[in-house]
Amino acid sequence: MTEVEVKILEIDVPSIESKLVALGATKVFEGDIQASLYDFPDQRLNQDRSFIRLRTKGEKAEFVFKKHIANEVAESYDELEVEVSDIEVTRKILEKIGLVETVHGVRKHRITYAADNAHFELDKFEGMPAFFEIEVSDSDELPKWVELLGYTMDDAKSWSGRDVYKHYGVPYPTV
């Protein structure tokens, strides 16, 4: 699946939630997320602008592969995601095939809404103001959602989570 996303920084969470509900969005998740990233020791995934993520999302665990796609408007990835039944066994499998953990313990609280073909992730990393992501599969949809939520594309950042850490001067939790 193609994932196209932008981030809007320093939001008022209750205000955004009210706007989303008024637009017909439905809350589909609220909880804590903890993620780790994996790569080969030679960093070949990172050099290819790809990564493997293993994370807990509430009571569930997910295994994700993402490969960056060039896009001038937003952060874009080809993404494959699957729920796993045992996160520790999945970690061991990754290690057995030669992957190493490169980022450990990225933690955030997330509230997710969905409407039409869009997802809205309201995130809060420790020590940083809340922000949200607008995630769609077609970049042509982004301006519509950005404007419906009261922002402009100038407010939208095509940043990764690592870029948010850097923006606020908070060290990224690498291993």
N, C-alpha and C. Protein backbone atom coordinates (compact mmCIF):
# COMPACT_ATOMS: atom_id res chain seq x y z
N MET A 1 0.83 -1.18 0.00
CA MET A 1 0.00 0.00 0.00
C MET A 1 0.88 1.25 0.00
N THR A 2 0.49 2.26 -0.71
CA THR A 2 1.20 3.53 -0.71
C THR A 2 0.65 4.39 0.42
N GLU A 3 1.56 4.97 1.18
CA GLU A 3 1.21 5.85 2.29
C GLU A 3 1.81 7.22 2.01
N VAL A 4 0.97 8.24 1.98
CA VAL A 4 1.39 9.62 1.76
C VAL A 4 0.94 10.41 2.98
N GLU A 5 1.89 11.10 3.63
CA GLU A 5 1.51 11.78 4.87
C GLU A 5 2.22 13.11 5.05
N VAL A 6 1.54 13.98 5.78
CA VAL A 6 2.14 15.23 6.24
C VAL A 6 1.83 15.37 7.73
N LYS A 7 2.65 16.18 8.39
CA LYS A 7 2.46 16.44 9.81
C LYS A 7 2.12 17.91 10.02
N ILE A 8 1.23 18.16 10.96
CA ILE A 8 0.91 19.52 11.42
C ILE A 8 1.35 19.57 12.88
N LEU A 9 2.23 20.51 13.19
CA LEU A 9 2.81 20.57 14.53
C LEU A 9 2.00 21.43 15.49
N GLU A 10 2.22 21.18 16.78
CA GLU A 10 1.72 22.01 17.89
C GLU A 10 0.23 22.25 17.80
N ILE A 11 -0.51 21.17 17.91
CA ILE A 11 -1.96 21.22 17.77
C ILE A 11 -2.66 21.20 19.13
N ASP A 12 -3.91 21.62 19.12
CA ASP A 12 -4.81 21.48 20.26
C ASP A 12 -5.62 20.21 20.00
N VAL A 13 -5.31 19.14 20.72
CA VAL A 13 -5.90 17.82 20.46
C VAL A 13 -7.43 17.85 20.53
N PRO A 14 -8.05 18.39 21.60
CA PRO A 14 -9.52 18.39 21.62
C PRO A 14 -10.15 19.13 20.44
N SER A 15 -9.53 20.22 20.01
CA SER A 15 -10.05 20.97 18.86
C SER A 15 -9.99 20.14 17.58
N ILE A 16 -8.87 19.47 17.35
CA ILE A 16 -8.73 18.63 16.15
C ILE A 16 -9.72 17.48 16.21
N GLU A 17 -9.86 16.86 17.38
CA GLU A 17 -10.82 15.76 17.51
C GLU A 17 -12.24 16.23 17.19
N SER A 18 -12.61 17.40 17.66
CA SER A 18 -13.95 17.94 17.37
C SER A 18 -14.13 18.16 15.87
N LYS A 19 -13.12 18.71 15.22
CA LYS A 19 -13.20 18.93 13.78
C LYS A 19 -13.32 17.61 13.02
N LEU A 20 -12.54 16.61 13.45
CA LEU A 20 -12.59 15.31 12.78
C LEU A 20 -13.98 14.67 12.91
N VAL A 21 -14.53 14.71 14.11
CA VAL A 21 -15.87 14.15 14.32
C VAL A 21 -16.90 14.89 13.47
N ALA A 22 -16.78 16.22 13.40
CA ALA A 22 -17.71 17.01 12.58
C ALA A 22 -17.59 16.66 11.10
N LEU A 23 -16.41 16.21 10.67
CA LEU A 23 -16.20 15.82 9.28
C LEU A 23 -16.60 14.35 9.02
N GLY A 24 -17.11 13.69 10.07
CA GLY A 24 -17.56 12.31 9.91
C GLY A 24 -16.51 11.26 10.20
N ALA A 25 -15.37 11.65 10.75
CA ALA A 25 -14.33 10.68 11.08
C ALA A 25 -14.72 9.89 12.32
N THR A 26 -14.23 8.68 12.38
CA THR A 26 -14.50 7.78 13.50
C THR A 26 -13.20 7.44 14.21
N LYS A 27 -13.22 7.48 15.55
CA LYS A 27 -12.03 7.10 16.31
C LYS A 27 -11.88 5.58 16.21
N VAL A 28 -10.68 5.15 15.78
CA VAL A 28 -10.44 3.72 15.61
C VAL A 28 -9.35 3.18 16.54
N PHE A 29 -8.62 4.07 17.22
CA PHE A 29 -7.59 3.62 18.16
C PHE A 29 -7.23 4.76 19.09
N GLU A 30 -6.96 4.39 20.35
CA GLU A 30 -6.31 5.29 21.29
C GLU A 30 -5.49 4.44 22.23
N GLY A 31 -4.20 4.79 22.34
CA GLY A 31 -3.34 4.03 23.23
C GLY A 31 -1.89 4.39 23.03
N ASP A 32 -1.05 3.65 23.72
CA ASP A 32 0.38 3.88 23.66
C ASP A 32 1.02 2.98 22.61
N ILE A 33 2.05 3.51 21.99
CA ILE A 33 2.81 2.80 20.97
C ILE A 33 4.28 2.83 21.36
N GLN A 34 4.94 1.69 21.20
CA GLN A 34 6.39 1.63 21.39
C GLN A 34 6.97 0.89 20.20
N ALA A 35 7.97 1.52 19.55
CA ALA A 35 8.51 0.96 18.31
C ALA A 35 10.01 0.81 18.37
N SER A 36 10.50 -0.18 17.63
CA SER A 36 11.92 -0.38 17.38
C SER A 36 12.11 -0.54 15.88
N LEU A 37 13.26 -0.08 15.39
CA LEU A 37 13.59 -0.22 13.98
C LEU A 37 14.76 -1.18 13.83
N TYR A 38 14.78 -1.89 12.70
CA TYR A 38 15.80 -2.89 12.43
C TYR A 38 16.43 -2.66 11.07
N ASP A 39 17.71 -3.04 10.97
CA ASP A 39 18.44 -2.94 9.71
C ASP A 39 19.54 -4.00 9.75
N PHE A 40 20.19 -4.20 8.62
CA PHE A 40 21.36 -5.06 8.57
C PHE A 40 22.53 -4.26 9.13
N PRO A 41 23.56 -4.94 9.64
CA PRO A 41 24.71 -4.22 10.20
C PRO A 41 25.35 -3.22 9.23
N ASP A 42 25.27 -3.48 7.92
CA ASP A 42 25.86 -2.55 6.95
C ASP A 42 24.92 -1.40 6.60
N GLN A 43 23.76 -1.32 7.26
CA GLN A 43 22.79 -0.24 7.08
C GLN A 43 22.22 -0.17 5.66
N ARG A 44 22.12 -1.30 4.98
CA ARG A 44 21.65 -1.29 3.59
C ARG A 44 20.20 -0.85 3.45
N LEU A 45 19.37 -1.13 4.43
CA LEU A 45 17.99 -0.65 4.35
C LEU A 45 17.94 0.87 4.48
N ASN A 46 18.66 1.39 5.46
CA ASN A 46 18.72 2.84 5.65
C ASN A 46 19.27 3.54 4.41
N GLN A 47 20.30 2.97 3.81
CA GLN A 47 20.89 3.56 2.61
C GLN A 47 19.92 3.54 1.44
N ASP A 48 18.98 2.60 1.46
CA ASP A 48 17.95 2.50 0.41
C ASP A 48 16.68 3.26 0.81
N ARG A 49 16.76 4.03 1.91
CA ARG A 49 15.63 4.79 2.46
C ARG A 49 14.45 3.87 2.77
N SER A 50 14.78 2.73 3.37
CA SER A 50 13.80 1.74 3.79
C SER A 50 14.02 1.42 5.26
N PHE A 51 13.01 0.82 5.89
CA PHE A 51 13.21 0.34 7.25
C PHE A 51 12.20 -0.74 7.61
N ILE A 52 12.57 -1.49 8.62
CA ILE A 52 11.69 -2.48 9.22
C ILE A 52 11.38 -2.01 10.63
N ARG A 53 10.08 -2.01 10.95
CA ARG A 53 9.65 -1.56 12.27
C ARG A 53 8.88 -2.69 12.94
N LEU A 54 9.15 -2.88 14.21
CA LEU A 54 8.40 -3.80 15.05
C LEU A 54 7.88 -2.97 16.20
N ARG A 55 6.55 -2.99 16.39
CA ARG A 55 6.01 -2.13 17.44
C ARG A 55 4.80 -2.76 18.12
N THR A 56 4.61 -2.30 19.36
CA THR A 56 3.37 -2.62 20.05
C THR A 56 2.46 -1.41 19.88
N LYS A 57 1.20 -1.71 19.65
CA LYS A 57 0.19 -0.67 19.46
C LYS A 57 -0.99 -1.10 20.33
N GLY A 58 -1.00 -0.52 21.55
CA GLY A 58 -1.97 -1.01 22.52
C GLY A 58 -1.61 -2.44 22.87
N GLU A 59 -2.56 -3.36 22.74
CA GLU A 59 -2.33 -4.77 23.06
C GLU A 59 -1.84 -5.57 21.86
N LYS A 60 -1.76 -4.96 20.69
CA LYS A 60 -1.36 -5.66 19.47
C LYS A 60 0.10 -5.40 19.15
N ALA A 61 0.67 -6.27 18.30
CA ALA A 61 2.03 -6.07 17.81
C ALA A 61 1.99 -6.09 16.29
N GLU A 62 2.82 -5.22 15.68
CA GLU A 62 2.84 -5.08 14.23
C GLU A 62 4.27 -5.17 13.70
N PHE A 63 4.40 -5.79 12.55
CA PHE A 63 5.66 -5.87 11.80
C PHE A 63 5.44 -5.10 10.51
N VAL A 64 6.33 -4.14 10.20
CA VAL A 64 6.12 -3.25 9.07
C VAL A 64 7.42 -3.11 8.27
N PHE A 65 7.29 -3.11 6.96
CA PHE A 65 8.39 -2.75 6.06
C PHE A 65 7.95 -1.50 5.31
N LYS A 66 8.82 -0.48 5.28
CA LYS A 66 8.53 0.75 4.54
C LYS A 66 9.72 1.10 3.64
N LYS A 67 9.40 1.50 2.42
CA LYS A 67 10.41 1.99 1.47
C LYS A 67 9.97 3.37 0.99
N HIS A 68 10.86 4.32 1.14
CA HIS A 68 10.57 5.70 0.76
C HIS A 68 10.32 5.81 -0.74
N ILE A 69 9.32 6.62 -1.10
CA ILE A 69 9.00 6.92 -2.49
C ILE A 69 9.18 8.42 -2.67
N ALA A 70 9.85 8.81 -3.72
CA ALA A 70 10.05 10.24 -3.99
C ALA A 70 8.70 10.92 -4.20
N ASN A 71 8.50 12.05 -3.50
CA ASN A 71 7.27 12.82 -3.60
C ASN A 71 7.59 14.23 -3.13
N GLU A 72 7.30 15.22 -3.93
CA GLU A 72 7.64 16.60 -3.59
C GLU A 72 6.67 17.22 -2.60
N VAL A 73 5.49 16.64 -2.45
CA VAL A 73 4.45 17.24 -1.62
C VAL A 73 4.47 16.71 -0.18
N ALA A 74 4.80 15.42 -0.01
CA ALA A 74 4.65 14.79 1.29
C ALA A 74 5.64 13.67 1.49
N GLU A 75 5.73 13.18 2.70
CA GLU A 75 6.49 11.99 3.03
C GLU A 75 5.71 10.80 2.48
N SER A 76 6.33 9.98 1.63
CA SER A 76 5.62 8.89 0.97
C SER A 76 6.39 7.58 1.07
N TYR A 77 5.65 6.51 1.31
CA TYR A 77 6.25 5.19 1.46
C TYR A 77 5.40 4.13 0.78
N ASP A 78 6.07 3.10 0.30
CA ASP A 78 5.42 1.85 -0.03
C ASP A 78 5.47 1.07 1.28
N GLU A 79 4.33 0.66 1.79
CA GLU A 79 4.27 0.07 3.12
C GLU A 79 3.58 -1.29 3.09
N LEU A 80 4.19 -2.24 3.79
CA LEU A 80 3.60 -3.55 4.02
C LEU A 80 3.54 -3.75 5.53
N GLU A 81 2.37 -4.12 6.04
CA GLU A 81 2.19 -4.23 7.48
C GLU A 81 1.39 -5.48 7.81
N VAL A 82 1.79 -6.16 8.87
CA VAL A 82 1.07 -7.35 9.32
C VAL A 82 1.08 -7.39 10.85
N GLU A 83 -0.02 -7.84 11.41
CA GLU A 83 -0.08 -8.04 12.86
C GLU A 83 0.63 -9.35 13.18
N VAL A 84 1.42 -9.35 14.24
CA VAL A 84 2.12 -10.57 14.67
C VAL A 84 1.59 -11.00 16.03
N SER A 85 1.58 -12.30 16.26
CA SER A 85 1.00 -12.82 17.50
C SER A 85 1.99 -12.83 18.65
N ASP A 86 3.29 -12.83 18.36
CA ASP A 86 4.30 -12.91 19.42
C ASP A 86 5.46 -11.99 19.05
N ILE A 87 5.54 -10.86 19.70
CA ILE A 87 6.56 -9.86 19.35
C ILE A 87 7.97 -10.37 19.66
N GLU A 88 8.14 -11.14 20.74
CA GLU A 88 9.48 -11.62 21.10
C GLU A 88 9.98 -12.66 20.10
N VAL A 89 9.11 -13.54 19.63
CA VAL A 89 9.52 -14.50 18.59
C VAL A 89 9.86 -13.75 17.31
N THR A 90 9.10 -12.72 16.99
CA THR A 90 9.38 -11.93 15.79
C THR A 90 10.74 -11.25 15.91
N ARG A 91 11.07 -10.71 17.09
CA ARG A 91 12.40 -10.13 17.31
C ARG A 91 13.50 -11.16 17.04
N LYS A 92 13.29 -12.36 17.58
CA LYS A 92 14.30 -13.43 17.40
C LYS A 92 14.45 -13.80 15.93
N ILE A 93 13.35 -13.84 15.19
CA ILE A 93 13.43 -14.13 13.75
C ILE A 93 14.26 -13.06 13.05
N LEU A 94 14.00 -11.80 13.36
CA LEU A 94 14.77 -10.71 12.75
C LEU A 94 16.25 -10.85 13.03
N GLU A 95 16.59 -11.18 14.28
CA GLU A 95 18.00 -11.37 14.64
C GLU A 95 18.61 -12.56 13.93
N LYS A 96 17.85 -13.66 13.80
CA LYS A 96 18.35 -14.88 13.13
C LYS A 96 18.65 -14.65 11.65
N ILE A 97 17.93 -13.72 11.02
CA ILE A 97 18.21 -13.45 9.60
C ILE A 97 19.24 -12.32 9.43
N GLY A 98 19.83 -11.90 10.54
CA GLY A 98 20.95 -10.96 10.46
C GLY A 98 20.61 -9.50 10.69
N LEU A 99 19.39 -9.20 11.09
CA LEU A 99 19.04 -7.80 11.35
C LEU A 99 19.41 -7.42 12.79
N VAL A 100 19.71 -6.15 12.98
CA VAL A 100 20.02 -5.64 14.31
C VAL A 100 19.09 -4.47 14.62
N GLU A 101 18.81 -4.30 15.89
CA GLU A 101 17.97 -3.18 16.31
C GLU A 101 18.80 -1.91 16.23
N THR A 102 18.29 -0.92 15.50
CA THR A 102 19.02 0.34 15.33
C THR A 102 18.37 1.49 16.10
N VAL A 103 17.08 1.37 16.37
CA VAL A 103 16.34 2.36 17.14
C VAL A 103 15.50 1.58 18.13
N HIS A 104 15.54 2.00 19.39
CA HIS A 104 14.82 1.27 20.42
C HIS A 104 13.95 2.20 21.27
N GLY A 105 12.72 1.81 21.47
CA GLY A 105 11.88 2.47 22.44
C GLY A 105 11.30 3.80 22.05
N VAL A 106 11.00 4.01 20.76
CA VAL A 106 10.30 5.23 20.38
C VAL A 106 8.89 5.09 20.94
N ARG A 107 8.54 5.97 21.86
CA ARG A 107 7.25 5.88 22.55
C ARG A 107 6.40 7.10 22.25
N LYS A 108 5.11 6.83 22.10
CA LYS A 108 4.18 7.94 21.90
C LYS A 108 2.78 7.48 22.30
N HIS A 109 1.96 8.48 22.58
CA HIS A 109 0.53 8.22 22.77
C HIS A 109 -0.14 8.63 21.47
N ARG A 110 -1.03 7.77 20.97
CA ARG A 110 -1.66 8.03 19.68
C ARG A 110 -3.18 7.90 19.78
N ILE A 111 -3.85 8.81 19.08
CA ILE A 111 -5.29 8.72 18.84
C ILE A 111 -5.46 8.70 17.33
N THR A 112 -6.17 7.70 16.81
CA THR A 112 -6.34 7.55 15.37
C THR A 112 -7.80 7.69 15.00
N TYR A 113 -8.05 8.50 13.98
CA TYR A 113 -9.38 8.64 13.38
C TYR A 113 -9.29 8.23 11.92
N ALA A 114 -10.39 7.76 11.37
CA ALA A 114 -10.46 7.40 9.96
C ALA A 114 -11.71 8.00 9.34
N ALA A 115 -11.57 8.47 8.11
CA ALA A 115 -12.70 9.01 7.32
C ALA A 115 -12.38 8.79 5.86
N ASP A 116 -13.35 8.27 5.12
CA ASP A 116 -13.13 7.99 3.70
C ASP A 116 -11.85 7.16 3.56
N ASN A 117 -10.92 7.62 2.74
CA ASN A 117 -9.65 6.90 2.56
C ASN A 117 -8.50 7.58 3.29
N ALA A 118 -8.81 8.30 4.36
CA ALA A 118 -7.78 9.02 5.10
C ALA A 118 -7.71 8.53 6.55
N HIS A 119 -6.50 8.61 7.10
CA HIS A 119 -6.28 8.34 8.53
C HIS A 119 -5.66 9.59 9.13
N PHE A 120 -6.00 9.83 10.37
CA PHE A 120 -5.51 10.99 11.10
C PHE A 120 -4.92 10.49 12.40
N GLU A 121 -3.62 10.68 12.56
CA GLU A 121 -2.90 10.18 13.73
C GLU A 121 -2.51 11.38 14.60
N LEU A 122 -3.13 11.50 15.77
CA LEU A 122 -2.79 12.55 16.72
C LEU A 122 -1.78 11.96 17.68
N ASP A 123 -0.54 12.44 17.61
CA ASP A 123 0.57 11.84 18.35
C ASP A 123 1.14 12.79 19.38
N LYS A 124 1.64 12.20 20.46
CA LYS A 124 2.31 12.96 21.51
C LYS A 124 3.53 12.18 21.96
N PHE A 125 4.73 12.65 21.55
CA PHE A 125 5.99 12.11 22.05
C PHE A 125 6.28 12.79 23.38
N GLU A 126 6.95 12.10 24.27
CA GLU A 126 7.32 12.68 25.56
C GLU A 126 8.24 13.88 25.34
N GLY A 127 7.93 15.00 26.03
CA GLY A 127 8.78 16.18 25.97
C GLY A 127 8.57 17.06 24.75
N MET A 128 7.51 16.79 23.96
CA MET A 128 7.25 17.58 22.75
C MET A 128 5.76 17.89 22.67
N PRO A 129 5.40 18.99 22.01
CA PRO A 129 3.98 19.29 21.82
C PRO A 129 3.31 18.24 20.91
N ALA A 130 2.01 18.10 21.06
CA ALA A 130 1.25 17.17 20.22
C ALA A 130 1.27 17.65 18.76
N PHE A 131 1.18 16.69 17.85
CA PHE A 131 1.08 16.98 16.42
C PHE A 131 0.17 15.94 15.81
N PHE A 132 -0.21 16.15 14.56
CA PHE A 132 -0.96 15.09 13.90
C PHE A 132 -0.51 14.89 12.48
N GLU A 133 -0.78 13.67 12.00
CA GLU A 133 -0.48 13.29 10.63
C GLU A 133 -1.78 13.12 9.88
N ILE A 134 -1.77 13.57 8.68
CA ILE A 134 -2.85 13.26 7.74
C ILE A 134 -2.24 12.26 6.77
N GLU A 135 -2.84 11.08 6.70
CA GLU A 135 -2.30 9.99 5.89
C GLU A 135 -3.34 9.55 4.86
N VAL A 136 -2.93 9.58 3.61
CA VAL A 136 -3.80 9.18 2.49
C VAL A 136 -2.99 8.30 1.54
N SER A 137 -3.64 7.70 0.56
CA SER A 137 -2.91 6.89 -0.41
C SER A 137 -2.61 7.67 -1.69
N ASP A 138 -3.21 8.84 -1.85
CA ASP A 138 -3.03 9.66 -3.06
C ASP A 138 -2.74 11.10 -2.63
N SER A 139 -1.58 11.62 -3.00
CA SER A 139 -1.17 12.97 -2.56
C SER A 139 -2.14 14.06 -3.01
N ASP A 140 -2.95 13.80 -4.03
CA ASP A 140 -3.94 14.79 -4.46
C ASP A 140 -5.01 15.03 -3.39
N GLU A 141 -5.17 14.08 -2.47
CA GLU A 141 -6.16 14.20 -1.40
C GLU A 141 -5.69 15.06 -0.23
N LEU A 142 -4.38 15.24 -0.10
CA LEU A 142 -3.84 15.96 1.06
C LEU A 142 -4.37 17.39 1.21
N PRO A 143 -4.31 18.24 0.16
CA PRO A 143 -4.76 19.62 0.36
C PRO A 143 -6.21 19.72 0.85
N LYS A 144 -7.07 18.85 0.37
CA LYS A 144 -8.47 18.86 0.81
C LYS A 144 -8.56 18.68 2.32
N TRP A 145 -7.89 17.65 2.85
CA TRP A 145 -7.98 17.36 4.28
C TRP A 145 -7.26 18.42 5.12
N VAL A 146 -6.13 18.90 4.64
CA VAL A 146 -5.41 19.96 5.36
C VAL A 146 -6.32 21.17 5.52
N GLU A 147 -6.97 21.58 4.43
CA GLU A 147 -7.84 22.77 4.47
C GLU A 147 -9.11 22.53 5.28
N LEU A 148 -9.70 21.34 5.18
CA LEU A 148 -10.91 21.04 5.96
C LEU A 148 -10.64 21.12 7.46
N LEU A 149 -9.40 20.85 7.85
CA LEU A 149 -9.03 20.90 9.27
C LEU A 149 -8.50 22.27 9.70
N GLY A 150 -8.59 23.26 8.78
CA GLY A 150 -8.26 24.62 9.15
C GLY A 150 -6.82 25.04 8.96
N TYR A 151 -6.08 24.30 8.15
CA TYR A 151 -4.67 24.61 7.92
C TYR A 151 -4.43 24.85 6.43
N THR A 152 -3.21 25.22 6.09
CA THR A 152 -2.80 25.35 4.70
C THR A 152 -1.66 24.37 4.45
N MET A 153 -1.36 24.13 3.19
CA MET A 153 -0.23 23.25 2.88
C MET A 153 1.09 23.83 3.37
N ASP A 154 1.15 25.15 3.60
CA ASP A 154 2.36 25.74 4.18
C ASP A 154 2.56 25.29 5.63
N ASP A 155 1.46 24.92 6.31
CA ASP A 155 1.55 24.41 7.69
C ASP A 155 2.00 22.95 7.71
N ALA A 156 1.83 22.25 6.61
CA ALA A 156 2.07 20.81 6.53
C ALA A 156 3.55 20.52 6.32
N LYS A 157 4.09 19.64 7.15
CA LYS A 157 5.50 19.25 7.07
C LYS A 157 5.59 17.84 6.50
N SER A 158 6.44 17.66 5.53
CA SER A 158 6.66 16.32 4.97
C SER A 158 7.83 15.68 5.72
N TRP A 159 7.63 15.50 7.01
CA TRP A 159 8.68 15.04 7.92
C TRP A 159 8.43 13.63 8.41
N SER A 160 9.50 12.97 8.79
CA SER A 160 9.43 11.70 9.50
C SER A 160 9.35 11.99 11.00
N GLY A 161 9.12 10.94 11.78
CA GLY A 161 9.14 11.10 13.24
C GLY A 161 10.50 11.56 13.72
N ARG A 162 11.55 11.07 13.07
CA ARG A 162 12.91 11.49 13.43
C ARG A 162 13.09 12.99 13.22
N ASP A 163 12.47 13.53 12.18
CA ASP A 163 12.54 14.97 11.92
C ASP A 163 11.85 15.77 13.03
N VAL A 164 10.76 15.22 13.58
CA VAL A 164 10.06 15.89 14.69
C VAL A 164 10.97 15.95 15.91
N TYR A 165 11.62 14.84 16.23
CA TYR A 165 12.58 14.83 17.34
C TYR A 165 13.64 15.91 17.13
N LYS A 166 14.21 15.94 15.93
CA LYS A 166 15.27 16.90 15.62
C LYS A 166 14.77 18.34 15.76
N HIS A 167 13.57 18.59 15.25
CA HIS A 167 12.98 19.94 15.32
C HIS A 167 12.91 20.45 16.76
N TYR A 168 12.56 19.56 17.69
CA TYR A 168 12.42 19.96 19.09
C TYR A 168 13.71 19.75 19.90
N GLY A 169 14.78 19.33 19.24
CA GLY A 169 16.06 19.16 19.93
C GLY A 169 16.08 18.02 20.93
N VAL A 170 15.24 17.01 20.70
CA VAL A 170 15.18 15.85 21.59
C VAL A 170 15.96 14.71 20.92
N PRO A 171 16.89 14.08 21.67
CA PRO A 171 17.67 12.98 21.08
C PRO A 171 16.77 11.82 20.65
N TYR A 172 17.02 11.33 19.45
CA TYR A 172 16.28 10.17 18.92
C TYR A 172 16.84 8.91 19.57
N PRO A 173 15.98 7.99 20.00
CA PRO A 173 16.45 6.83 20.79
C PRO A 173 17.11 5.73 19.96
N THR A 174 18.31 6.01 19.44
CA THR A 174 19.05 5.00 18.70
C THR A 174 19.73 4.04 19.68
N VAL A 175 20.08 2.86 19.19
CA VAL A 175 20.73 1.85 20.02
C VAL A 175 22.22 2.13 20.05
